Amino acid sequence: MTLVERFIEFDAWTTSRKTVLITCIFGIPFNLVALILGQFLLAPLGWIDMTRFNLVMGAISIMAVVALVAALISIRIGGEGRWTVYFWGVPYTILGGYFVYLFGVQSSSLVAWGPVVLFGAAILFDARLAWFTLILAVTLVVAAASAPLIGLTKFAPIVTDRNLDIQNDGRFVAAMTFMTVGYTIFGFVCAILVVSAWRLQQRRLAEANLKLNQATNLISKYVPAEVVEGIMSGTGALYDGHMRRRITVFFSDLVGFSDIAEELEPEDLALVLNEYFSEMTSIARRHQGTVDELQGDALLILFGAPHATSDRDHALRAVSMASEMHEVMDSLNERWRDAGITETLRVRMGINTGVVTVGNFGSPERIKYAALGKHVNLAARLQTACEPGRTLMSYATWLLVKNEVQATSIGELQLKGIHKPVVAYELGGATLN
C-alpha cells in the first residue's frame, strides 16, 4: 500500500482515532524535538530566556497529553468523538500564538508552521475547527505584531539581550532559518500528500461511478428501469410492500413465432427475438411504460406504476404505443425476410384499465415488482381473443380514450376465466393531441 493510499485509509478513521495517532506520532514527539533543539541551538547562544521557553513547551506538552487522554476516553465510549480534536487544535493555536509573540513575528518559524496546521485540520478533521483556528491564529499574529509597534510590549520578550539586533545576527538567523525551512518543507510534503490523495480519491470515485452506471444499466435489463432508478435515487422504500392503484395494463403476444421456432437454428431464433424485444421495449420507453415482464415472446407493460400521472394519460400512452408497435412490425418483417425468414409475424395486443395490486412479491431472497389482480388477467385474455396484427381494449380503457382514437366496438366477448361477458373495442388509429 502506497503512502497516499494509507493517507486515504487514515482519512476514513473516526476523529478520536485520528487525534490519538496525530498526538502520538506528531504532537508529543514535536514537543520533545523542540525542547532538544532549544537546548542545543538556542540555549548555548545565551540570548533566550530558557525558563520561559521550557514553560511554554511544557504547557504545549500538557495540552498534547490532555488531547491524547480525551481521545482515548472517546474511543472507549464509542462514537465519532469529533470534540476531541478541539483539545488539540484550540490550545495549540493559543500557545502557538504566544510562542510567536515571544520570539517576535518577524523571526518566528511558527508563522510558517501555522498554515500547515490549519490546512491539516481542515482536511483531516473538521472544517469548522480550521476556520475557528484560522481566525484565532490570524488575530493572535496581528496582535503580536502590532503590540510592539504601539508600545504595549517589547519585541521578542523572550530574548534576554534587548540591545542585540537578532534579525541581523548570523547565528540566530541560522537557527531560526533551520527550523523555518524544516517546517516549510514538511508543509509542502503534507500539501503534496493531501493533493495526491484527493486526486486518487477522485479517480477512484470516477471509476466507482462508472462501474455503478454499468451495473445499473445491467440490472435495468432484468428489473424495470423505473424501479432501478427509484432504488438508486434513494426512494426504493416507495416500492416496499403493496398498494392498490388504478393503472392501464398492456399484454402482447407474437403470433407465428412458434412456427418459425421449429424451422430456425437457435442462434437465428435468438436474433429474431432479441430484435423484436429491442424494438418493442424502446417504443415502450418512449411512451413511458414500465416493461414489467418478458416471457417467451409475450410482453407485459404497465402504465401508472410505479410512476403515475392520470388515468386518461396512462390509457392514451398505452394505445399510442400499441399503434406504433404495429407499424414497426412491418419494417421488422421486411428485415427478417431479407435474412431468409419467410414467415410473417404479427402481434396480438390487449389493453385494460382497472384497479390492481402493485408492489414487490416473492421471498426475502428473491422479489419481483409486479401487478396482480383480475384486471391484469383481463388484459391477457383480451390479447388472446384478439386477431393477429390487431389490438383489443376494454370498455374502461375505451371510455378514457374515445375522443382521441379510432376504435370499433366488437360487442361482448366471453373470455376464458372471466365470468361475465366483456365489452371490447378494436383499436383503429391512435392520434395523441
Protein backbone atom coordinates (compact mmCIF):
# COMPACT_ATOMS: atom_id res chain seq x y z
CA MET A 1 0.00 0.00 0.00
CA THR A 2 1.38 3.38 -1.03
CA LEU A 3 1.71 6.36 1.30
CA VAL A 4 -1.21 8.11 -0.43
CA GLU A 5 -3.41 5.03 -0.05
CA ARG A 6 -2.53 4.84 3.62
CA PHE A 7 -3.44 8.50 3.94
CA ILE A 8 -6.87 7.82 2.37
CA GLU A 9 -7.39 4.90 4.72
CA PHE A 10 -6.45 7.15 7.63
CA ASP A 11 -8.91 9.80 6.43
CA ALA A 12 -11.76 7.31 6.95
CA TRP A 13 -10.95 6.90 10.65
CA THR A 14 -13.02 8.46 13.43
CA THR A 15 -11.84 11.81 14.77
CA SER A 16 -10.83 10.32 18.13
CA ARG A 17 -8.61 7.71 16.46
CA LYS A 18 -7.03 10.40 14.28
CA THR A 19 -6.37 12.51 17.38
CA VAL A 20 -4.61 9.63 19.12
CA LEU A 21 -2.41 8.89 16.11
CA ILE A 22 -1.56 12.54 15.36
CA THR A 23 -0.75 13.21 19.02
CA CYS A 24 1.43 10.12 19.35
CA ILE A 25 3.42 10.47 16.12
CA PHE A 26 3.46 14.25 15.87
CA GLY A 27 2.25 16.22 18.92
CA ILE A 28 4.36 14.71 21.69
CA PRO A 29 7.44 13.96 19.51
CA PHE A 30 7.30 17.52 18.13
CA ASN A 31 7.42 18.94 21.65
CA LEU A 32 10.39 16.75 22.53
CA VAL A 33 12.24 17.75 19.35
CA ALA A 34 11.52 21.44 20.01
CA LEU A 35 12.86 21.11 23.57
CA ILE A 36 16.01 19.38 22.32
CA LEU A 37 16.57 21.96 19.58
CA GLY A 38 16.03 24.70 22.12
CA GLN A 39 18.67 23.25 24.45
CA PHE A 40 21.26 22.64 21.73
CA LEU A 41 20.60 25.54 19.32
CA LEU A 42 19.19 28.39 21.37
CA ALA A 43 20.43 27.89 24.92
CA PRO A 44 24.17 28.00 24.00
CA LEU A 45 23.64 31.39 22.37
CA GLY A 46 22.63 32.84 25.72
CA TRP A 47 20.02 35.15 24.20
CA ILE A 48 16.91 33.17 25.15
CA ASP A 49 15.14 33.02 28.48
CA MET A 50 15.16 29.22 28.57
CA THR A 51 12.99 29.10 31.68
CA ARG A 52 10.15 30.79 29.84
CA PHE A 53 10.85 28.72 26.74
CA ASN A 54 10.65 25.47 28.71
CA LEU A 55 7.48 26.60 30.47
CA VAL A 56 5.79 27.25 27.12
CA MET A 57 6.92 23.93 25.68
CA GLY A 58 5.82 22.19 28.88
CA ALA A 59 2.37 23.74 28.57
CA ILE A 60 2.14 22.56 24.97
CA SER A 61 3.20 19.06 26.09
CA ILE A 62 0.47 19.05 28.73
CA MET A 63 -2.06 20.01 26.06
CA ALA A 64 -0.89 17.10 23.91
CA VAL A 65 -1.34 14.69 26.84
CA VAL A 66 -4.82 16.10 27.57
CA ALA A 67 -5.80 15.65 23.91
CA LEU A 68 -4.48 12.08 23.97
CA VAL A 69 -6.41 11.19 27.13
CA ALA A 70 -9.62 12.78 25.79
CA ALA A 71 -9.33 10.84 22.53
CA LEU A 72 -8.70 7.55 24.36
CA ILE A 73 -11.78 8.16 26.52
CA SER A 74 -13.83 8.88 23.39
CA ILE A 75 -12.64 5.64 21.77
CA ARG A 76 -13.57 3.81 24.94
CA ILE A 77 -17.04 5.37 24.97
CA GLY A 78 -17.53 4.90 21.22
CA GLY A 79 -18.72 7.25 18.52
CA GLU A 80 -17.04 9.76 16.24
CA GLY A 81 -15.50 11.85 19.04
CA ARG A 82 -15.30 14.99 16.91
CA TRP A 83 -15.00 17.10 20.06
CA THR A 84 -11.63 15.52 20.97
CA VAL A 85 -9.73 17.37 18.26
CA TYR A 86 -10.61 20.70 19.90
CA PHE A 87 -8.42 19.66 22.86
CA TRP A 88 -5.61 19.51 20.33
CA GLY A 89 -6.33 22.37 17.95
CA VAL A 90 -7.51 25.27 20.10
CA PRO A 91 -4.84 25.14 22.89
CA TYR A 92 -2.11 24.57 20.30
CA THR A 93 -3.27 27.63 18.39
CA ILE A 94 -3.31 29.81 21.52
CA LEU A 95 0.07 28.62 22.74
CA GLY A 96 1.47 28.83 19.23
CA GLY A 97 0.35 32.44 19.02
CA TYR A 98 2.03 33.13 22.35
CA PHE A 99 5.19 31.44 21.06
CA VAL A 100 5.14 33.74 18.03
CA TYR A 101 4.83 36.72 20.36
CA LEU A 102 7.78 35.56 22.48
CA PHE A 103 10.15 35.22 19.54
CA GLY A 104 8.77 38.06 17.51
CA VAL A 105 6.62 37.73 14.43
CA GLN A 106 9.47 38.61 12.08
CA SER A 107 11.72 35.81 13.33
CA SER A 108 9.36 33.05 14.47
CA SER A 109 9.28 29.87 12.46
CA LEU A 110 5.77 29.20 13.76
CA VAL A 111 4.44 31.80 11.32
CA ALA A 112 5.36 29.35 8.55
CA TRP A 113 4.13 26.39 10.57
CA GLY A 114 0.65 27.80 11.25
CA PRO A 115 -0.83 27.37 7.73
CA VAL A 116 0.33 23.75 7.70
CA VAL A 117 -1.52 23.01 10.94
CA LEU A 118 -4.65 24.78 9.72
CA PHE A 119 -4.55 23.06 6.33
CA GLY A 120 -4.21 19.67 8.00
CA ALA A 121 -7.06 20.43 10.39
CA ALA A 122 -9.37 21.31 7.51
CA ILE A 123 -8.52 18.19 5.53
CA LEU A 124 -8.25 15.61 8.31
CA PHE A 125 -10.66 16.76 10.95
CA ASP A 126 -13.31 19.45 10.94
CA ALA A 127 -13.66 22.46 8.65
CA ARG A 128 -15.30 24.39 11.49
CA LEU A 129 -12.18 23.86 13.61
CA ALA A 130 -9.99 25.03 10.73
CA TRP A 131 -11.96 28.27 10.29
CA PHE A 132 -12.02 28.91 14.03
CA THR A 133 -8.29 28.32 14.48
CA LEU A 134 -7.53 30.34 11.34
CA ILE A 135 -9.39 33.36 12.69
CA LEU A 136 -7.84 32.85 16.12
CA ALA A 137 -4.31 32.44 14.73
CA VAL A 138 -4.57 35.50 12.48
CA THR A 139 -5.89 37.54 15.40
CA LEU A 140 -3.01 36.44 17.63
CA VAL A 141 -0.34 37.08 14.99
CA VAL A 142 -1.75 40.53 14.20
CA ALA A 143 -1.86 41.33 17.91
CA ALA A 144 1.71 40.06 18.42
CA ALA A 145 2.96 42.15 15.51
CA SER A 146 1.00 45.28 16.45
CA ALA A 147 1.67 45.38 20.18
CA PRO A 148 5.40 46.31 19.90
CA LEU A 149 4.61 48.92 17.25
CA ILE A 150 2.27 50.85 19.52
CA GLY A 151 4.43 50.39 22.60
CA LEU A 152 2.30 47.91 24.53
CA THR A 153 5.04 45.25 24.61
CA LYS A 154 8.64 44.88 23.63
CA PHE A 155 9.72 42.98 20.55
CA ALA A 156 10.65 39.31 21.17
CA PRO A 157 10.42 39.48 25.01
CA ILE A 158 11.95 36.02 25.40
CA VAL A 159 15.27 37.38 24.08
CA THR A 160 17.45 38.31 27.07
CA ASP A 161 19.69 40.88 25.34
CA ARG A 162 17.32 43.68 24.30
CA ASN A 163 20.08 45.63 22.58
CA LEU A 164 21.10 42.75 20.29
CA ASP A 165 19.94 43.03 16.69
CA ILE A 166 18.84 39.40 16.44
CA GLN A 167 17.46 39.80 12.93
CA ASN A 168 20.94 40.62 11.62
CA ASP A 169 22.89 38.15 13.73
CA GLY A 170 24.04 35.25 11.62
CA ARG A 171 23.88 32.53 14.26
CA PHE A 172 20.38 33.35 15.50
CA VAL A 173 19.05 33.77 11.98
CA ALA A 174 20.67 30.45 11.00
CA ALA A 175 18.98 28.67 13.90
CA MET A 176 15.56 30.14 13.15
CA THR A 177 16.02 29.60 9.41
CA PHE A 178 16.83 25.95 10.04
CA MET A 179 13.53 25.50 11.90
CA THR A 180 11.54 27.56 9.41
CA VAL A 181 12.91 25.69 6.39
CA GLY A 182 12.20 22.39 8.11
CA TYR A 183 8.59 23.37 8.83
CA THR A 184 8.13 24.71 5.31
CA ILE A 185 9.46 21.53 3.70
CA PHE A 186 7.19 19.47 5.94
CA GLY A 187 4.30 21.71 4.93
CA PHE A 188 5.00 21.14 1.23
CA VAL A 189 5.18 17.37 1.82
CA CYS A 190 1.82 17.48 3.62
CA ALA A 191 0.30 19.54 0.80
CA ILE A 192 1.59 17.19 -1.89
CA LEU A 193 0.32 14.20 0.09
CA VAL A 194 -3.14 15.70 0.52
CA VAL A 195 -3.44 16.76 -3.13
CA SER A 196 -2.24 13.33 -4.33
CA ALA A 197 -4.73 11.63 -2.03
CA TRP A 198 -7.52 13.89 -3.29
CA ARG A 199 -6.68 13.09 -6.92
CA LEU A 200 -6.55 9.37 -6.17
CA GLN A 201 -9.91 9.58 -4.43
CA GLN A 202 -11.39 11.45 -7.39
CA ARG A 203 -10.05 8.83 -9.80
CA ARG A 204 -11.40 6.01 -7.64
CA LEU A 205 -14.74 7.82 -7.35
CA ALA A 206 -14.93 8.20 -11.13
CA GLU A 207 -14.13 4.50 -11.58
CA ALA A 208 -16.72 3.57 -8.95
CA ASN A 209 -19.36 5.75 -10.64
CA LEU A 210 -18.55 4.15 -13.99
CA LYS A 211 -18.93 0.66 -12.50
CA LEU A 212 -22.13 1.75 -10.76
CA ASN A 213 -23.59 3.06 -14.03
CA GLN A 214 -22.62 -0.15 -15.80
CA ALA A 215 -24.18 -2.22 -13.02
CA THR A 216 -27.32 -0.06 -13.07
CA ASN A 217 -27.68 -0.48 -16.83
CA LEU A 218 -27.21 -4.22 -16.48
CA ILE A 219 -29.72 -4.52 -13.64
CA SER A 220 -32.22 -2.44 -15.64
CA LYS A 221 -32.26 -5.25 -18.20
CA TYR A 222 -33.55 -7.65 -15.53
CA VAL A 223 -35.63 -5.28 -13.38
CA PRO A 224 -37.97 -2.49 -14.57
CA ALA A 225 -35.81 0.56 -15.19
CA GLU A 226 -38.21 2.79 -13.22
CA VAL A 227 -37.76 0.61 -10.14
CA VAL A 228 -33.97 0.65 -10.52
CA GLU A 229 -33.96 4.45 -10.85
CA GLY A 230 -36.09 4.74 -7.72
CA ILE A 231 -33.78 2.50 -5.72
CA MET A 232 -30.65 4.31 -6.89
CA SER A 233 -32.18 7.71 -6.07
CA GLY A 234 -32.95 6.60 -2.52
CA THR A 235 -36.72 6.27 -2.96
CA GLY A 236 -36.69 2.48 -3.16
CA ALA A 237 -38.73 2.32 0.03
CA LEU A 238 -41.70 3.52 -2.03
CA TYR A 239 -41.78 0.10 -3.69
CA ASP A 240 -41.76 -1.89 -0.45
CA GLY A 241 -44.99 -3.70 0.31
CA HIS A 242 -48.10 -3.48 -1.87
CA MET A 243 -50.61 -0.82 -2.86
CA ARG A 244 -53.87 -0.68 -4.80
CA ARG A 245 -53.67 1.57 -7.82
CA ARG A 246 -55.67 2.19 -10.99
CA ILE A 247 -53.39 1.54 -13.93
CA THR A 248 -53.53 0.54 -17.60
CA VAL A 249 -52.15 -2.92 -18.41
CA PHE A 250 -50.79 -3.91 -21.83
CA PHE A 251 -50.26 -7.51 -22.97
CA SER A 252 -48.87 -8.65 -26.31
CA ASP A 253 -48.01 -11.95 -27.94
CA LEU A 254 -46.04 -12.67 -31.12
CA VAL A 255 -48.19 -14.79 -33.43
CA GLY A 256 -46.30 -17.19 -35.69
CA PHE A 257 -43.24 -17.37 -33.52
CA SER A 258 -43.84 -21.00 -32.61
CA ASP A 259 -43.90 -21.93 -36.31
CA ILE A 260 -40.59 -20.30 -37.15
CA ALA A 261 -39.09 -21.69 -33.92
CA GLU A 262 -39.28 -25.16 -35.49
CA GLU A 263 -37.52 -24.02 -38.65
CA LEU A 264 -34.74 -21.73 -37.44
CA GLU A 265 -31.49 -22.56 -35.75
CA PRO A 266 -31.28 -21.42 -32.10
CA GLU A 267 -28.87 -18.59 -32.99
CA ASP A 268 -31.22 -17.20 -35.68
CA LEU A 269 -34.20 -17.61 -33.38
CA ALA A 270 -32.45 -15.66 -30.65
CA LEU A 271 -31.58 -12.95 -33.17
CA VAL A 272 -35.24 -12.55 -34.19
CA LEU A 273 -36.47 -12.48 -30.61
CA ASN A 274 -33.81 -10.03 -29.48
CA GLU A 275 -34.53 -7.66 -32.38
CA TYR A 276 -38.25 -7.84 -31.62
CA PHE A 277 -37.86 -7.11 -27.91
CA SER A 278 -35.31 -4.39 -28.58
CA GLU A 279 -37.73 -2.50 -30.79
CA MET A 280 -40.74 -3.08 -28.53
CA THR A 281 -39.03 -2.06 -25.30
CA SER A 282 -37.57 1.00 -26.99
CA ILE A 283 -41.07 2.08 -28.02
CA ALA A 284 -42.34 1.37 -24.51
CA ARG A 285 -39.68 3.64 -23.02
CA ARG A 286 -40.61 6.45 -25.41
CA HIS A 287 -44.20 6.21 -24.17
CA GLN A 288 -43.03 5.97 -20.54
CA GLY A 289 -44.34 2.49 -19.99
CA THR A 290 -42.88 0.16 -17.37
CA VAL A 291 -41.72 -3.06 -19.05
CA ASP A 292 -42.59 -5.46 -16.26
CA GLU A 293 -42.12 -8.84 -17.90
CA LEU A 294 -40.63 -10.56 -20.94
CA GLN A 295 -41.72 -14.17 -21.04
CA GLY A 296 -41.19 -16.29 -24.12
CA ASP A 297 -42.46 -13.98 -26.85
CA ALA A 298 -45.00 -12.26 -24.58
CA LEU A 299 -44.68 -8.74 -23.27
CA LEU A 300 -46.30 -7.12 -20.19
CA ILE A 301 -46.15 -3.33 -19.84
CA LEU A 302 -47.67 -1.18 -17.08
CA PHE A 303 -48.79 2.44 -17.31
CA GLY A 304 -49.25 4.16 -13.95
CA ALA A 305 -46.90 2.03 -11.85
CA PRO A 306 -44.58 2.77 -10.26
CA HIS A 307 -44.93 6.37 -11.54
CA ALA A 308 -48.47 7.66 -12.02
CA THR A 309 -49.91 10.69 -13.81
CA SER A 310 -53.63 10.36 -14.65
CA ASP A 311 -55.89 7.53 -15.80
CA ARG A 312 -56.51 9.23 -19.13
CA ASP A 313 -52.81 9.81 -19.72
CA HIS A 314 -52.00 6.17 -18.89
CA ALA A 315 -54.57 4.87 -21.35
CA LEU A 316 -53.60 7.30 -24.13
CA ARG A 317 -49.93 6.37 -23.87
CA ALA A 318 -50.80 2.66 -23.94
CA VAL A 319 -52.93 2.83 -27.13
CA SER A 320 -50.44 5.16 -28.83
CA MET A 321 -47.66 2.72 -28.02
CA ALA A 322 -49.69 -0.18 -29.42
CA SER A 323 -50.22 1.65 -32.74
CA GLU A 324 -46.51 2.41 -33.07
CA MET A 325 -45.61 -1.20 -32.30
CA HIS A 326 -47.83 -2.46 -35.13
CA GLU A 327 -46.16 -0.02 -37.53
CA VAL A 328 -42.67 -1.18 -36.52
CA MET A 329 -43.63 -4.82 -37.11
CA ASP A 330 -43.84 -4.13 -40.85
CA SER A 331 -40.23 -2.98 -41.02
CA LEU A 332 -39.13 -5.87 -38.80
CA ASN A 333 -40.79 -8.41 -41.10
CA GLU A 334 -39.02 -6.88 -44.10
CA ARG A 335 -35.70 -7.14 -42.27
CA TRP A 336 -36.35 -10.78 -41.35
CA ARG A 337 -37.38 -11.62 -44.92
CA ASP A 338 -34.06 -10.25 -46.12
CA ALA A 339 -32.45 -12.62 -43.61
CA GLY A 340 -34.31 -15.60 -45.14
CA ILE A 341 -37.30 -15.89 -42.79
CA THR A 342 -40.39 -16.32 -44.93
CA GLU A 343 -42.95 -16.44 -42.12
CA THR A 344 -44.70 -13.12 -41.47
CA LEU A 345 -45.02 -12.40 -37.77
CA ARG A 346 -47.93 -10.45 -36.31
CA VAL A 347 -48.62 -9.20 -32.79
CA ARG A 348 -51.82 -9.54 -30.78
CA MET A 349 -52.35 -6.91 -28.12
CA GLY A 350 -54.75 -6.45 -25.22
CA ILE A 351 -55.22 -3.30 -23.13
CA ASN A 352 -57.28 -2.89 -19.97
CA THR A 353 -57.64 -0.25 -17.25
CA GLY A 354 -58.56 -1.06 -13.67
CA VAL A 355 -57.53 -1.25 -10.03
CA VAL A 356 -54.78 -3.76 -9.34
CA THR A 357 -52.30 -4.51 -6.56
CA VAL A 358 -48.76 -3.41 -7.38
CA GLY A 359 -45.57 -3.87 -5.41
CA ASN A 360 -42.88 -6.38 -4.56
CA PHE A 361 -43.82 -10.03 -4.49
CA GLY A 362 -41.66 -13.02 -3.63
CA SER A 363 -39.40 -14.24 -0.85
CA PRO A 364 -36.76 -12.43 1.25
CA GLU A 365 -34.12 -13.90 -1.09
CA ARG A 366 -35.80 -13.01 -4.38
CA ILE A 367 -38.52 -10.47 -5.15
CA LYS A 368 -40.19 -9.09 -8.24
CA TYR A 369 -42.05 -5.87 -8.89
CA ALA A 370 -45.37 -6.85 -10.43
CA ALA A 371 -49.08 -6.10 -10.78
CA LEU A 372 -51.71 -8.61 -9.67
CA GLY A 373 -55.47 -8.71 -9.96
CA LYS A 374 -58.41 -9.51 -12.23
CA HIS A 375 -57.74 -6.52 -14.47
CA VAL A 376 -54.27 -7.88 -15.30
CA ASN A 377 -55.91 -11.19 -16.26
CA LEU A 378 -58.50 -9.35 -18.34
CA ALA A 379 -55.78 -7.63 -20.42
CA ALA A 380 -54.15 -11.02 -21.01
CA ARG A 381 -57.49 -12.56 -22.08
CA LEU A 382 -58.21 -9.68 -24.47
CA GLN A 383 -54.84 -10.31 -26.09
CA THR A 384 -55.67 -14.00 -26.51
CA ALA A 385 -59.03 -13.19 -28.14
CA CYS A 386 -57.51 -10.60 -30.48
CA GLU A 387 -56.88 -11.17 -34.18
CA PRO A 388 -53.18 -11.16 -35.25
CA GLY A 389 -51.98 -7.66 -36.08
CA ARG A 390 -54.78 -6.01 -34.10
CA THR A 391 -55.36 -4.54 -30.62
CA LEU A 392 -58.35 -5.09 -28.34
CA MET A 393 -59.11 -2.81 -25.41
CA SER A 394 -61.68 -3.00 -22.67
CA TYR A 395 -64.66 -0.72 -22.21
CA ALA A 396 -62.90 1.00 -19.27
CA THR A 397 -59.92 1.91 -21.46
CA TRP A 398 -62.13 2.98 -24.37
CA LEU A 399 -64.03 5.44 -22.12
CA LEU A 400 -60.72 7.19 -21.35
CA VAL A 401 -59.51 7.47 -24.96
CA LYS A 402 -62.68 7.52 -27.08
CA ASN A 403 -62.24 11.17 -28.02
CA GLU A 404 -58.63 10.68 -29.13
CA VAL A 405 -58.58 7.39 -31.05
CA GLN A 406 -60.48 5.49 -33.66
CA ALA A 407 -62.00 2.30 -32.28
CA THR A 408 -64.72 -0.13 -33.30
CA SER A 409 -66.96 -2.00 -30.88
CA ILE A 410 -66.96 -5.75 -31.46
CA GLY A 411 -69.63 -6.42 -28.88
CA GLU A 412 -69.42 -8.69 -25.89
CA LEU A 413 -66.81 -11.43 -25.57
CA GLN A 414 -66.93 -14.43 -23.32
CA LEU A 415 -63.33 -14.74 -22.22
CA LYS A 416 -61.76 -17.73 -20.52
CA GLY A 417 -61.55 -17.26 -16.75
CA ILE A 418 -63.82 -14.18 -16.86
CA HIS A 419 -67.33 -14.95 -15.56
CA LYS A 420 -69.22 -12.08 -17.18
CA PRO A 421 -69.15 -11.10 -20.84
CA VAL A 422 -66.73 -8.28 -21.62
CA VAL A 423 -67.41 -5.40 -24.00
CA ALA A 424 -64.34 -4.96 -26.21
CA TYR A 425 -63.20 -2.41 -28.76
CA GLU A 426 -60.76 -2.90 -31.60
CA LEU A 427 -58.24 -0.10 -31.89
CA GLY A 428 -58.03 1.68 -35.22
CA GLY A 429 -55.59 4.60 -35.08
CA ALA A 430 -54.30 6.46 -32.05
CA THR A 431 -53.60 10.15 -32.50
CA LEU A 432 -52.48 11.96 -29.38
CA ASN A 433 -53.15 15.66 -29.15
